[in-house]
N, C-alpha and C. Protein backbone atom coordinates (compact mmCIF):
# COMPACT_ATOMS: atom_id res chain seq x y z
N MET A 1 -13.89 11.81 -10.74
CA MET A 1 -15.06 11.09 -10.27
C MET A 1 -15.10 10.91 -8.73
N ASP A 2 -15.89 11.07 -8.09
CA ASP A 2 -16.42 11.27 -6.73
C ASP A 2 -16.76 9.53 -6.78
N LEU A 3 -15.89 8.52 -6.06
CA LEU A 3 -16.16 7.35 -6.33
C LEU A 3 -17.37 6.93 -4.83
N ILE A 4 -16.73 7.85 -3.82
CA ILE A 4 -17.82 7.26 -2.71
C ILE A 4 -18.72 8.68 -2.15
N ASN A 5 -19.53 8.66 -1.98
CA ASN A 5 -20.42 9.79 -1.42
C ASN A 5 -19.94 9.83 -0.42
N PRO A 6 -19.95 11.25 -0.05
CA PRO A 6 -19.28 11.64 1.26
C PRO A 6 -20.13 11.43 2.40
N ALA A 7 -21.24 11.29 2.51
CA ALA A 7 -22.23 10.77 3.71
C ALA A 7 -21.78 9.28 3.90
N VAL A 8 -21.70 8.29 2.74
CA VAL A 8 -21.25 6.95 3.09
C VAL A 8 -19.94 7.14 3.78
N SER A 9 -19.22 7.97 2.68
CA SER A 9 -17.58 7.77 3.44
C SER A 9 -17.61 8.31 4.71
N ASP A 10 -18.26 9.07 5.69
CA ASP A 10 -18.69 9.52 7.07
C ASP A 10 -19.04 7.92 7.85
N TYR A 11 -20.09 7.56 6.93
CA TYR A 11 -20.58 6.51 7.66
C TYR A 11 -19.35 5.50 7.99
N LEU A 12 -19.05 5.08 6.91
CA LEU A 12 -17.94 3.93 6.88
C LEU A 12 -16.99 4.05 7.83
N LEU A 13 -16.58 5.43 7.99
CA LEU A 13 -15.04 5.67 8.60
C LEU A 13 -15.64 5.54 10.40
N ALA A 14 -16.82 5.85 10.61
CA ALA A 14 -17.59 6.18 11.78
C ALA A 14 -17.87 4.19 12.19
N HIS A 15 -17.84 3.32 11.27
CA HIS A 15 -18.01 2.21 11.39
C HIS A 15 -17.07 1.09 11.40
N CYS A 16 -15.75 1.50 11.51
CA CYS A 16 -14.70 0.75 12.03
C CYS A 16 -13.85 0.95 12.92
N THR A 17 -12.80 0.01 13.26
CA THR A 17 -11.98 0.28 14.75
C THR A 17 -11.51 1.76 14.28
N PRO A 18 -11.86 2.71 15.29
CA PRO A 18 -11.36 3.79 15.07
C PRO A 18 -9.48 4.19 15.42
N ALA A 19 -9.10 5.30 14.92
CA ALA A 19 -7.85 5.46 14.77
C ALA A 19 -7.35 6.05 15.99
N ASP A 20 -6.01 5.41 16.91
CA ASP A 20 -5.84 6.07 17.85
C ASP A 20 -4.87 7.53 17.70
N ASP A 21 -4.41 7.85 18.94
CA ASP A 21 -4.00 9.12 18.69
C ASP A 21 -2.35 9.21 17.88
N VAL A 22 -1.74 8.07 17.93
CA VAL A 22 -0.73 8.08 16.84
C VAL A 22 -1.37 8.15 15.29
N LEU A 23 -1.82 7.67 14.92
CA LEU A 23 -2.32 7.57 13.54
C LEU A 23 -3.46 9.05 13.32
N ARG A 24 -3.99 9.46 14.50
CA ARG A 24 -4.68 10.67 14.33
C ARG A 24 -3.49 11.84 14.20
N ASP A 25 -2.45 11.83 14.73
CA ASP A 25 -1.67 12.83 14.92
C ASP A 25 -0.88 12.69 13.57
N LEU A 26 -0.67 11.55 13.26
CA LEU A 26 0.01 11.30 12.15
C LEU A 26 -0.36 11.99 10.62
N ALA A 27 -1.77 11.81 10.78
CA ALA A 27 -2.65 12.29 9.95
C ALA A 27 -2.49 14.04 9.56
N GLU A 28 -2.59 14.22 10.98
CA GLU A 28 -2.72 16.00 11.30
C GLU A 28 -1.45 16.59 10.54
N GLU A 29 -0.42 15.84 11.04
CA GLU A 29 1.04 16.41 10.93
C GLU A 29 1.16 16.35 9.08
N THR A 30 0.46 15.25 8.50
CA THR A 30 0.85 15.30 7.08
C THR A 30 0.03 16.08 6.38
N ARG A 31 -0.88 16.45 7.00
CA ARG A 31 -2.09 17.49 6.20
C ARG A 31 -1.14 18.83 6.47
N ALA A 32 -0.55 19.13 7.37
CA ALA A 32 0.09 20.14 7.52
C ALA A 32 1.61 20.16 6.81
N ALA A 33 2.31 19.29 6.94
CA ALA A 33 3.73 19.43 6.40
C ALA A 33 3.94 18.94 4.94
N THR A 34 2.77 18.51 4.24
CA THR A 34 2.70 18.13 2.65
C THR A 34 1.90 18.91 2.09
N GLY A 35 1.00 19.64 2.77
CA GLY A 35 0.04 20.78 1.76
C GLY A 35 -0.68 19.65 0.90
N GLY A 36 -1.05 20.04 -0.55
CA GLY A 36 -1.54 19.07 -1.55
C GLY A 36 -0.72 17.87 -1.63
N SER A 37 0.04 17.28 -1.00
CA SER A 37 0.39 15.94 -1.47
C SER A 37 -0.21 15.14 -0.18
N ALA A 38 -0.74 15.53 0.57
CA ALA A 38 -1.52 14.80 1.99
C ALA A 38 -2.20 13.85 1.26
N GLY A 39 -2.84 14.11 -0.11
CA GLY A 39 -4.04 13.13 -0.54
C GLY A 39 -3.25 11.69 -0.74
N MET A 40 -1.86 11.79 -0.64
CA MET A 40 -1.18 10.22 -0.97
C MET A 40 -1.33 9.43 0.16
N GLN A 41 -1.58 9.79 1.27
CA GLN A 41 -2.02 9.07 2.33
C GLN A 41 -3.12 8.26 2.34
N ILE A 42 -3.03 6.98 2.83
CA ILE A 42 -4.60 6.24 2.55
C ILE A 42 -5.34 6.52 3.89
N SER A 43 -6.61 6.25 3.19
CA SER A 43 -7.57 6.90 4.48
C SER A 43 -7.56 5.56 5.77
N HIS A 44 -8.07 6.04 6.77
CA HIS A 44 -8.03 5.35 7.73
C HIS A 44 -8.83 4.14 7.67
N ASP A 45 -10.02 3.78 7.11
CA ASP A 45 -10.64 2.68 6.87
C ASP A 45 -9.52 1.96 5.72
N GLU A 46 -9.03 2.40 5.16
CA GLU A 46 -7.95 1.82 3.90
C GLU A 46 -6.82 1.09 4.80
N GLY A 47 -6.90 1.90 6.12
CA GLY A 47 -5.12 1.10 6.92
C GLY A 47 -6.05 0.18 7.69
N GLU A 48 -6.99 0.26 8.16
CA GLU A 48 -7.66 -0.88 9.14
C GLU A 48 -7.60 -2.34 8.40
N PHE A 49 -8.11 -1.94 7.04
CA PHE A 49 -8.13 -3.19 6.04
C PHE A 49 -6.66 -4.00 5.82
N LEU A 50 -5.88 -3.06 5.84
CA LEU A 50 -4.46 -3.89 5.47
C LEU A 50 -3.89 -4.70 6.98
N THR A 51 -4.48 -3.87 8.05
CA THR A 51 -3.79 -4.51 9.17
C THR A 51 -4.46 -5.96 9.06
N MET A 52 -6.04 -5.79 9.11
CA MET A 52 -6.66 -7.25 9.31
C MET A 52 -6.37 -8.15 8.18
N LEU A 53 -6.02 -7.82 6.83
CA LEU A 53 -5.36 -8.75 5.59
C LEU A 53 -4.26 -9.29 6.19
N VAL A 54 -2.92 -8.61 6.74
CA VAL A 54 -1.99 -9.08 7.44
C VAL A 54 -2.37 -10.05 8.32
N ARG A 55 -3.12 -9.95 9.25
CA ARG A 55 -3.32 -10.52 10.27
C ARG A 55 -4.14 -12.20 9.72
N LEU A 56 -5.24 -12.04 8.74
CA LEU A 56 -5.74 -13.00 8.57
C LEU A 56 -4.81 -14.12 8.02
N ILE A 57 -3.83 -13.50 7.30
CA ILE A 57 -3.13 -14.40 6.35
C ILE A 57 -1.87 -15.22 7.01
N GLY A 58 -1.57 -14.17 8.46
CA GLY A 58 -0.60 -14.71 9.31
C GLY A 58 0.65 -14.53 8.71
N ALA A 59 0.63 -13.10 8.05
CA ALA A 59 2.11 -13.00 7.44
C ALA A 59 3.21 -12.44 8.57
N ARG A 60 4.38 -12.79 8.09
CA ARG A 60 5.72 -12.26 8.99
C ARG A 60 6.67 -11.64 7.98
N ARG A 61 6.52 -11.57 6.60
CA ARG A 61 7.68 -10.76 5.90
C ARG A 61 6.85 -10.06 5.27
N ALA A 62 6.72 -8.65 5.14
CA ALA A 62 6.07 -7.86 4.14
C ALA A 62 6.77 -6.79 3.73
N VAL A 63 6.72 -6.23 2.41
CA VAL A 63 7.06 -5.42 1.66
C VAL A 63 6.14 -4.16 1.38
N GLU A 64 6.28 -2.71 1.32
CA GLU A 64 5.80 -1.76 1.10
C GLU A 64 6.62 -0.97 0.27
N VAL A 65 5.91 -0.75 -1.09
CA VAL A 65 6.40 0.06 -1.68
C VAL A 65 5.69 1.60 -1.87
N GLY A 66 6.26 2.53 -1.59
CA GLY A 66 5.89 3.59 -1.38
C GLY A 66 5.44 3.95 0.21
N VAL A 67 6.38 4.72 0.70
CA VAL A 67 6.01 5.08 2.19
C VAL A 67 4.93 6.33 2.49
N PHE A 68 5.57 7.44 1.82
CA PHE A 68 5.04 8.73 2.15
C PHE A 68 5.47 8.78 3.89
N THR A 69 4.45 9.02 4.65
CA THR A 69 4.94 9.36 6.21
C THR A 69 4.70 8.68 6.92
N GLY A 70 4.33 7.69 6.25
CA GLY A 70 4.33 6.12 7.23
C GLY A 70 2.97 5.70 7.65
N TYR A 71 1.93 6.13 7.68
CA TYR A 71 0.51 5.81 8.08
C TYR A 71 0.24 4.14 7.50
N SER A 72 0.33 3.98 6.19
CA SER A 72 0.39 2.49 5.90
C SER A 72 1.41 1.52 6.47
N SER A 73 2.43 2.08 6.61
CA SER A 73 3.41 1.12 7.29
C SER A 73 2.96 0.95 8.74
N ILE A 74 2.35 1.86 9.25
CA ILE A 74 2.36 1.27 10.88
C ILE A 74 1.08 0.46 10.61
N CYS A 75 0.13 0.60 9.97
CA CYS A 75 -0.89 -0.24 9.54
C CYS A 75 -0.18 -1.48 9.57
N VAL A 76 0.50 -1.99 8.42
CA VAL A 76 0.92 -3.06 7.92
C VAL A 76 1.72 -3.61 9.12
N ALA A 77 2.42 -2.93 9.59
CA ALA A 77 3.35 -3.42 10.57
C ALA A 77 2.51 -3.95 11.92
N ARG A 78 1.28 -3.41 12.32
CA ARG A 78 0.47 -3.89 13.44
C ARG A 78 0.06 -5.15 13.20
N GLY A 79 -0.22 -5.31 11.94
CA GLY A 79 -0.81 -6.84 11.78
C GLY A 79 0.14 -7.99 11.60
N LEU A 80 1.60 -7.51 11.81
CA LEU A 80 2.76 -8.57 11.95
C LEU A 80 2.94 -8.91 13.70
N PRO A 81 3.55 -10.34 13.55
CA PRO A 81 4.11 -10.51 14.63
C PRO A 81 5.03 -9.84 15.52
N THR A 82 5.40 -9.75 16.55
CA THR A 82 6.64 -8.93 17.10
C THR A 82 7.88 -9.32 16.62
N ASP A 83 8.20 -10.50 15.86
CA ASP A 83 9.01 -10.60 15.28
C ASP A 83 9.23 -10.67 13.97
N GLY A 84 8.15 -10.25 13.19
CA GLY A 84 7.70 -9.98 11.51
C GLY A 84 8.91 -8.75 11.27
N HIS A 85 8.95 -8.72 9.84
CA HIS A 85 10.00 -7.71 9.49
C HIS A 85 8.81 -7.11 8.14
N LEU A 86 8.55 -5.86 8.04
CA LEU A 86 8.53 -4.74 6.77
C LEU A 86 9.58 -3.97 6.12
N LEU A 87 9.77 -4.73 4.91
CA LEU A 87 10.97 -3.87 3.95
C LEU A 87 10.07 -2.86 3.56
N ALA A 88 10.57 -1.47 3.91
CA ALA A 88 9.40 0.01 3.54
C ALA A 88 10.41 0.28 2.22
N CYS A 89 10.12 0.74 1.21
CA CYS A 89 10.65 1.21 0.01
C CYS A 89 10.12 2.63 -0.19
N ASP A 90 11.19 3.56 -0.54
CA ASP A 90 10.76 4.92 -0.77
C ASP A 90 12.14 5.64 -1.25
N VAL A 91 11.85 6.75 -1.54
CA VAL A 91 13.07 7.74 -2.14
C VAL A 91 13.21 8.98 -1.31
N SER A 92 12.36 9.44 -0.31
CA SER A 92 12.08 10.44 -0.02
C SER A 92 12.48 10.83 1.53
N GLU A 93 13.85 11.04 1.94
CA GLU A 93 14.29 11.56 3.12
C GLU A 93 13.47 12.40 4.29
N GLU A 94 12.90 13.44 3.68
CA GLU A 94 12.01 14.25 3.85
C GLU A 94 10.92 13.76 4.68
N TRP A 95 9.63 12.65 3.72
CA TRP A 95 8.66 12.58 4.09
C TRP A 95 8.80 11.29 5.12
N THR A 96 9.78 10.26 4.83
CA THR A 96 10.30 9.27 5.79
C THR A 96 10.69 9.52 6.90
N SER A 97 11.45 10.86 7.00
CA SER A 97 11.48 11.36 8.38
C SER A 97 10.43 11.55 9.29
N ILE A 98 9.33 12.00 8.84
CA ILE A 98 7.99 11.90 9.58
C ILE A 98 7.73 10.68 10.10
N ALA A 99 7.59 9.82 8.80
CA ALA A 99 7.06 8.30 9.58
C ALA A 99 8.10 7.58 10.45
N ARG A 100 9.51 8.02 10.45
CA ARG A 100 10.53 7.21 11.19
C ARG A 100 9.76 7.64 12.70
N ARG A 101 9.34 8.77 13.26
CA ARG A 101 9.23 9.16 14.57
C ARG A 101 7.86 8.83 14.67
N TYR A 102 7.01 8.66 13.71
CA TYR A 102 5.85 8.06 14.64
C TYR A 102 5.86 6.44 14.76
N TRP A 103 6.67 5.77 13.46
CA TRP A 103 6.98 4.29 13.67
C TRP A 103 7.60 4.05 14.99
N ASP A 104 8.06 4.73 15.88
CA ASP A 104 8.51 5.14 17.14
C ASP A 104 7.90 5.11 18.06
N ARG A 105 6.79 5.82 17.83
CA ARG A 105 5.56 6.05 18.65
C ARG A 105 4.43 5.27 18.76
N ALA A 106 4.54 4.40 17.66
CA ALA A 106 3.42 3.55 17.50
C ALA A 106 4.11 1.92 17.96
N GLY A 107 5.15 2.25 18.33
CA GLY A 107 5.92 1.05 19.04
C GLY A 107 6.37 -0.21 17.91
N VAL A 108 6.47 0.20 16.62
CA VAL A 108 6.51 -0.42 15.42
C VAL A 108 7.67 -0.65 14.52
N ALA A 109 8.63 0.42 15.29
CA ALA A 109 10.12 0.85 14.32
C ALA A 109 11.17 -0.61 14.31
N ASP A 110 10.90 -1.47 15.62
CA ASP A 110 11.60 -2.62 15.47
C ASP A 110 11.49 -3.33 14.26
N ARG A 111 10.10 -3.50 13.59
CA ARG A 111 9.76 -4.46 12.55
C ARG A 111 10.06 -4.11 11.33
N ILE A 112 10.37 -2.60 11.23
CA ILE A 112 10.35 -1.49 10.03
C ILE A 112 11.71 -1.41 9.65
N GLU A 113 12.46 -2.13 8.06
CA GLU A 113 13.32 -1.55 7.88
C GLU A 113 13.01 -0.70 6.37
N LEU A 114 13.80 0.30 6.69
CA LEU A 114 13.31 1.46 5.56
C LEU A 114 14.62 1.51 4.48
N ARG A 115 14.39 1.53 3.35
CA ARG A 115 15.51 1.63 2.31
C ARG A 115 15.37 2.52 1.47
N LEU A 116 15.91 3.73 1.31
CA LEU A 116 15.74 5.01 0.80
C LEU A 116 16.55 4.93 -0.60
N ALA A 117 15.81 4.28 -1.60
CA ALA A 117 16.72 4.14 -2.86
C ALA A 117 15.07 3.68 -3.84
N PRO A 118 15.51 3.65 -5.11
CA PRO A 118 14.51 3.32 -6.17
C PRO A 118 13.76 1.84 -5.66
N ALA A 119 12.59 1.93 -5.76
CA ALA A 119 12.03 0.88 -5.00
C ALA A 119 12.18 -0.50 -5.99
N LEU A 120 12.52 -0.30 -7.37
CA LEU A 120 12.82 -1.15 -8.58
C LEU A 120 14.34 -2.05 -8.09
N GLU A 121 15.15 -1.01 -7.64
CA GLU A 121 16.60 -1.37 -7.27
C GLU A 121 16.64 -2.48 -5.91
N THR A 122 15.63 -1.61 -5.11
CA THR A 122 15.67 -2.50 -3.91
C THR A 122 15.07 -3.94 -4.31
N LEU A 123 14.05 -3.91 -4.83
CA LEU A 123 13.36 -5.28 -5.04
C LEU A 123 14.29 -6.16 -5.70
N ARG A 124 14.95 -5.92 -6.81
CA ARG A 124 15.80 -6.60 -7.60
C ARG A 124 17.05 -7.14 -6.78
N SER A 125 17.26 -6.40 -5.93
CA SER A 125 18.57 -6.71 -5.08
C SER A 125 18.21 -7.99 -4.12
N LEU A 126 16.62 -8.17 -4.06
CA LEU A 126 16.50 -8.97 -2.70
C LEU A 126 17.01 -10.32 -3.89
N PRO A 127 17.38 -11.25 -2.70
CA PRO A 127 17.66 -12.86 -3.68
C PRO A 127 16.21 -13.17 -3.87
N ARG A 128 16.56 -14.11 -4.86
CA ARG A 128 15.26 -14.82 -5.67
C ARG A 128 14.35 -15.80 -5.28
N ASP A 129 14.94 -16.43 -4.03
CA ASP A 129 14.21 -17.06 -2.95
C ASP A 129 13.75 -16.41 -1.93
N GLU A 130 13.74 -15.06 -1.92
CA GLU A 130 13.38 -13.89 -0.61
C GLU A 130 11.67 -14.51 -0.65
N VAL A 131 11.50 -14.86 0.41
CA VAL A 131 9.95 -15.10 0.47
C VAL A 131 9.08 -14.13 1.03
N VAL A 132 7.96 -13.71 0.31
CA VAL A 132 7.20 -12.48 0.98
C VAL A 132 5.73 -13.01 1.26
N ASP A 133 5.14 -12.34 2.47
CA ASP A 133 3.44 -13.06 2.64
C ASP A 133 3.02 -12.03 1.95
N PHE A 134 3.28 -10.53 2.33
CA PHE A 134 2.24 -9.73 1.84
C PHE A 134 2.98 -8.40 1.33
N ALA A 135 2.52 -7.65 0.40
CA ALA A 135 2.78 -6.54 0.05
C ALA A 135 2.01 -5.60 -0.58
N PHE A 136 2.15 -4.44 -0.38
CA PHE A 136 1.31 -3.33 -0.54
C PHE A 136 1.99 -2.34 -1.65
N ILE A 137 1.48 -1.74 -2.66
CA ILE A 137 2.04 -1.06 -3.64
C ILE A 137 1.26 0.11 -3.82
N ASP A 138 1.75 1.06 -3.54
CA ASP A 138 1.18 2.47 -3.24
C ASP A 138 2.24 3.37 -3.57
N ALA A 139 2.58 3.69 -5.08
CA ALA A 139 3.93 4.18 -5.30
C ALA A 139 3.53 5.10 -6.52
N ASP A 140 4.54 5.54 -7.37
CA ASP A 140 4.51 6.08 -8.59
C ASP A 140 3.68 4.67 -9.55
N LYS A 141 2.72 5.41 -10.35
CA LYS A 141 2.00 4.31 -11.35
C LYS A 141 2.58 3.65 -12.14
N VAL A 142 3.50 4.41 -12.50
CA VAL A 142 4.29 3.91 -14.06
C VAL A 142 5.08 2.71 -13.72
N GLY A 143 5.38 2.80 -12.31
CA GLY A 143 6.45 1.47 -11.76
C GLY A 143 5.49 0.33 -11.65
N TYR A 144 4.11 -0.02 -11.48
CA TYR A 144 3.23 -1.00 -10.76
C TYR A 144 3.95 -2.06 -11.65
N PRO A 145 4.05 -2.24 -12.89
CA PRO A 145 4.34 -3.51 -13.33
C PRO A 145 5.62 -3.89 -13.11
N ASP A 146 6.79 -3.02 -13.15
CA ASP A 146 7.79 -4.08 -12.58
C ASP A 146 7.61 -4.20 -10.82
N TYR A 147 7.03 -3.29 -10.22
CA TYR A 147 7.09 -3.95 -8.66
C TYR A 147 6.14 -5.03 -8.55
N TYR A 148 5.05 -5.20 -9.28
CA TYR A 148 4.28 -6.41 -9.25
C TYR A 148 4.93 -7.48 -9.51
N GLU A 149 5.85 -7.41 -10.91
CA GLU A 149 6.53 -8.90 -11.05
C GLU A 149 7.65 -9.03 -10.17
N GLU A 150 8.23 -8.08 -9.57
CA GLU A 150 9.44 -8.56 -8.99
C GLU A 150 8.31 -9.03 -7.77
N LEU A 151 7.70 -8.86 -7.12
CA LEU A 151 7.38 -9.12 -6.06
C LEU A 151 6.16 -10.43 -6.12
N VAL A 152 5.51 -10.44 -6.97
CA VAL A 152 4.78 -11.84 -7.34
C VAL A 152 5.46 -13.44 -7.56
N THR A 153 6.91 -12.85 -8.26
CA THR A 153 7.56 -14.22 -8.39
C THR A 153 8.37 -14.30 -6.68
N ARG A 154 8.36 -13.92 -5.96
CA ARG A 154 8.92 -13.98 -4.58
C ARG A 154 7.71 -14.18 -3.29
N LEU A 155 6.03 -14.25 -3.97
CA LEU A 155 5.30 -14.19 -2.69
C LEU A 155 5.14 -15.71 -2.77
N ARG A 156 4.95 -16.20 -1.10
CA ARG A 156 4.27 -17.45 -0.98
C ARG A 156 2.95 -18.00 -1.64
N PRO A 157 2.65 -19.03 -1.80
CA PRO A 157 1.39 -19.67 -2.05
C PRO A 157 0.58 -19.20 -1.01
N GLY A 158 -0.86 -18.39 -1.39
CA GLY A 158 -1.35 -17.80 -0.13
C GLY A 158 -1.10 -16.51 0.44
N GLY A 159 0.28 -16.11 -0.61
CA GLY A 159 0.42 -14.80 0.05
C GLY A 159 -0.34 -13.76 -1.03
N LEU A 160 -0.55 -12.74 -0.34
CA LEU A 160 -1.27 -11.61 -1.05
C LEU A 160 -0.50 -10.02 -1.48
N ILE A 161 -0.87 -9.58 -2.75
CA ILE A 161 -0.15 -8.26 -3.03
C ILE A 161 -1.40 -7.51 -2.82
N ALA A 162 -1.57 -6.39 -2.61
CA ALA A 162 -2.56 -5.43 -2.42
C ALA A 162 -2.38 -3.84 -3.27
N LEU A 163 -2.74 -3.87 -4.51
CA LEU A 163 -2.15 -2.70 -5.21
C LEU A 163 -3.53 -1.43 -5.03
N ASP A 164 -2.96 -0.36 -4.66
CA ASP A 164 -3.85 0.92 -4.09
C ASP A 164 -4.14 1.72 -5.82
N ASN A 165 -5.08 2.39 -5.52
CA ASN A 165 -5.13 3.37 -6.60
C ASN A 165 -5.62 2.91 -8.19
N VAL A 166 -6.12 1.67 -8.11
CA VAL A 166 -6.34 1.02 -9.54
C VAL A 166 -7.52 1.69 -10.20
N LEU A 167 -8.50 2.59 -9.79
CA LEU A 167 -9.26 3.16 -10.70
C LEU A 167 -9.11 4.43 -10.87
N ARG A 168 -7.91 5.19 -10.50
CA ARG A 168 -7.26 6.52 -10.97
C ARG A 168 -8.30 7.31 -10.75
N GLY A 169 -9.55 7.36 -10.01
CA GLY A 169 -10.35 8.41 -9.84
C GLY A 169 -11.47 8.26 -10.83
N GLY A 170 -11.52 6.98 -11.65
CA GLY A 170 -12.50 6.45 -12.35
C GLY A 170 -11.67 6.56 -13.98
N ARG A 171 -10.49 7.25 -13.98
CA ARG A 171 -10.19 7.56 -15.30
C ARG A 171 -10.00 6.36 -16.11
N VAL A 172 -9.37 4.92 -15.45
CA VAL A 172 -9.47 3.82 -16.16
C VAL A 172 -10.38 3.31 -16.82
N LEU A 173 -11.64 3.80 -16.51
CA LEU A 173 -12.82 3.52 -17.30
C LEU A 173 -13.23 4.13 -18.81
N ASP A 174 -12.54 5.41 -19.06
CA ASP A 174 -12.15 6.47 -19.93
C ASP A 174 -10.88 6.25 -20.91
N ASP A 175 -10.93 5.61 -22.03
CA ASP A 175 -9.67 5.87 -22.47
C ASP A 175 -9.38 7.31 -23.26
N SER A 176 -10.25 7.92 -22.77
CA SER A 176 -9.66 9.65 -23.40
C SER A 176 -8.75 10.16 -22.37
N PHE A 177 -8.72 9.45 -21.42
CA PHE A 177 -7.42 9.86 -20.30
C PHE A 177 -6.29 8.98 -20.94
N GLN A 178 -5.65 9.82 -21.39
CA GLN A 178 -4.18 9.41 -21.88
C GLN A 178 -2.82 9.81 -21.14
N ASP A 179 -3.06 10.11 -19.86
CA ASP A 179 -2.05 10.32 -19.10
C ASP A 179 -1.22 9.15 -18.69
N GLU A 180 0.02 9.30 -18.76
CA GLU A 180 0.97 7.74 -18.73
C GLU A 180 0.29 7.07 -17.53
N SER A 181 0.21 7.72 -16.36
CA SER A 181 -0.46 6.91 -15.01
C SER A 181 -1.59 5.93 -15.61
N ASP A 182 -2.81 6.65 -16.06
CA ASP A 182 -3.90 6.31 -16.46
C ASP A 182 -3.57 5.12 -17.31
N VAL A 183 -2.70 5.05 -18.29
CA VAL A 183 -2.40 4.28 -19.48
C VAL A 183 -1.74 3.30 -18.73
N VAL A 184 -0.98 3.26 -18.15
CA VAL A 184 -0.17 2.35 -17.45
C VAL A 184 -1.23 1.35 -16.22
N MET A 185 -2.01 2.10 -15.63
CA MET A 185 -3.08 1.58 -14.89
C MET A 185 -3.62 0.31 -15.40
N ARG A 186 -4.23 1.12 -16.42
CA ARG A 186 -5.22 0.16 -17.38
C ARG A 186 -4.50 -0.94 -17.71
N ARG A 187 -3.36 -1.09 -18.17
CA ARG A 187 -2.38 -2.13 -18.37
C ARG A 187 -2.18 -3.20 -17.37
N MET A 188 -2.05 -2.46 -16.33
CA MET A 188 -1.75 -3.60 -15.06
C MET A 188 -2.90 -3.94 -14.54
N ASN A 189 -4.17 -3.47 -14.86
CA ASN A 189 -5.36 -3.85 -14.27
C ASN A 189 -5.43 -5.47 -15.24
N ASP A 190 -5.12 -5.25 -16.46
CA ASP A 190 -5.45 -6.29 -17.49
C ASP A 190 -4.06 -7.21 -16.87
N ILE A 191 -3.10 -6.89 -16.96
CA ILE A 191 -2.08 -7.83 -16.19
C ILE A 191 -2.48 -8.83 -15.26
N VAL A 192 -2.99 -8.18 -14.00
CA VAL A 192 -3.59 -8.93 -12.59
C VAL A 192 -4.69 -9.84 -13.27
N VAL A 193 -5.60 -9.21 -13.89
CA VAL A 193 -6.60 -10.49 -14.14
C VAL A 193 -6.19 -11.63 -15.25
N GLY A 194 -5.17 -11.12 -16.05
CA GLY A 194 -4.91 -12.39 -16.89
C GLY A 194 -3.82 -13.02 -16.36
N ASP A 195 -3.29 -12.69 -15.14
CA ASP A 195 -2.06 -13.76 -14.63
C ASP A 195 -2.17 -15.13 -13.85
N GLU A 196 -2.55 -16.22 -14.68
CA GLU A 196 -2.58 -17.43 -13.88
C GLU A 196 -2.03 -17.64 -12.83
N ARG A 197 -1.01 -16.97 -12.45
CA ARG A 197 -0.11 -17.14 -10.96
C ARG A 197 -1.14 -16.86 -9.74
N VAL A 198 -1.92 -15.89 -10.06
CA VAL A 198 -2.58 -15.66 -8.81
C VAL A 198 -4.55 -15.62 -8.95
N ASP A 199 -5.08 -15.31 -8.06
CA ASP A 199 -6.38 -15.10 -8.08
C ASP A 199 -6.63 -13.49 -7.62
N SER A 200 -7.81 -13.03 -8.31
CA SER A 200 -7.79 -11.56 -8.12
C SER A 200 -9.07 -10.87 -7.82
N VAL A 201 -9.22 -9.96 -7.01
CA VAL A 201 -10.83 -9.08 -6.87
C VAL A 201 -10.21 -7.78 -6.62
N MET A 202 -10.95 -6.89 -7.44
CA MET A 202 -10.88 -5.72 -7.27
C MET A 202 -12.00 -4.98 -6.45
N LEU A 203 -11.44 -4.15 -5.57
CA LEU A 203 -12.55 -3.41 -4.71
C LEU A 203 -12.84 -2.02 -5.10
N PRO A 204 -13.86 -1.33 -4.67
CA PRO A 204 -14.21 -0.51 -4.87
C PRO A 204 -14.03 0.42 -3.46
N LEU A 205 -12.95 -0.10 -3.07
CA LEU A 205 -12.32 0.57 -1.68
C LEU A 205 -11.58 2.31 -2.00
N ARG A 206 -12.33 3.13 -1.36
CA ARG A 206 -11.67 4.83 -2.07
C ARG A 206 -11.06 4.59 -3.38
N ASP A 207 -10.18 4.61 -3.70
CA ASP A 207 -9.79 5.20 -5.23
C ASP A 207 -9.26 3.34 -5.68
N GLY A 208 -9.87 2.71 -5.50
CA GLY A 208 -9.73 1.06 -5.67
C GLY A 208 -8.69 0.55 -5.36
N VAL A 209 -8.75 -0.76 -4.77
CA VAL A 209 -7.70 -1.65 -4.31
C VAL A 209 -7.90 -3.12 -5.18
N THR A 210 -7.07 -3.70 -5.44
CA THR A 210 -6.96 -4.95 -6.12
C THR A 210 -6.39 -5.72 -5.21
N LEU A 211 -6.44 -7.11 -4.75
CA LEU A 211 -6.08 -7.94 -4.13
C LEU A 211 -5.60 -8.94 -5.31
N ALA A 212 -4.37 -9.37 -5.13
CA ALA A 212 -3.56 -10.61 -5.52
C ALA A 212 -3.32 -11.57 -4.88
N ARG A 213 -4.14 -12.98 -4.58
CA ARG A 213 -3.63 -14.00 -4.07
C ARG A 213 -3.00 -14.99 -4.67
N LYS A 214 -1.46 -15.16 -4.57
CA LYS A 214 -0.85 -16.81 -5.13
C LYS A 214 -1.54 -18.10 -5.22
N ARG A 215 -1.50 -18.33 -5.87
CA ARG A 215 -2.28 -19.92 -6.29
C ARG A 215 -1.07 -20.72 -5.69
């Protein structure tokens, strides 16, 4: 399902804060280096949205599940204060090696701690009283329910979790799609809307973004 008309998409991108050279170069290298996987990178308007969210809630400690080549990491880190901290979780040394270079170029490397390990292991290793202000989940869809649960229990009141790809190209609307990721995402969407610990809103931003705010 084409969720956004191409003409509307171009207009949206033309009417948000433009990408700087670092983000433009990163997007170009990602396309060249990762081929068909480049679609895993968030769009620029979604990146600006993340930066704005982080700034609006005054986040100091953030977690990202799914780094890829580091575009969203830069966007989240840029919203943090200079002494803020982003825990970035991924399993790919190859792709995150690109991220590291661009974190340096963007001047945010000192705010980002990369942990190369299964994200669930990383999250479960955090102290139970670890406080998280903001989290962005954009990784394997089957893991979303576990990632969400580990993060929401550590989220401060007023903190936010943003979940990407919640529409799965529109496939969550049609039960005939039984791919495991589609099935899990339908369940994930039901979990969030039924979670009395949060207030939530699902937005038709690109492939769907859900925001869950801790009560």
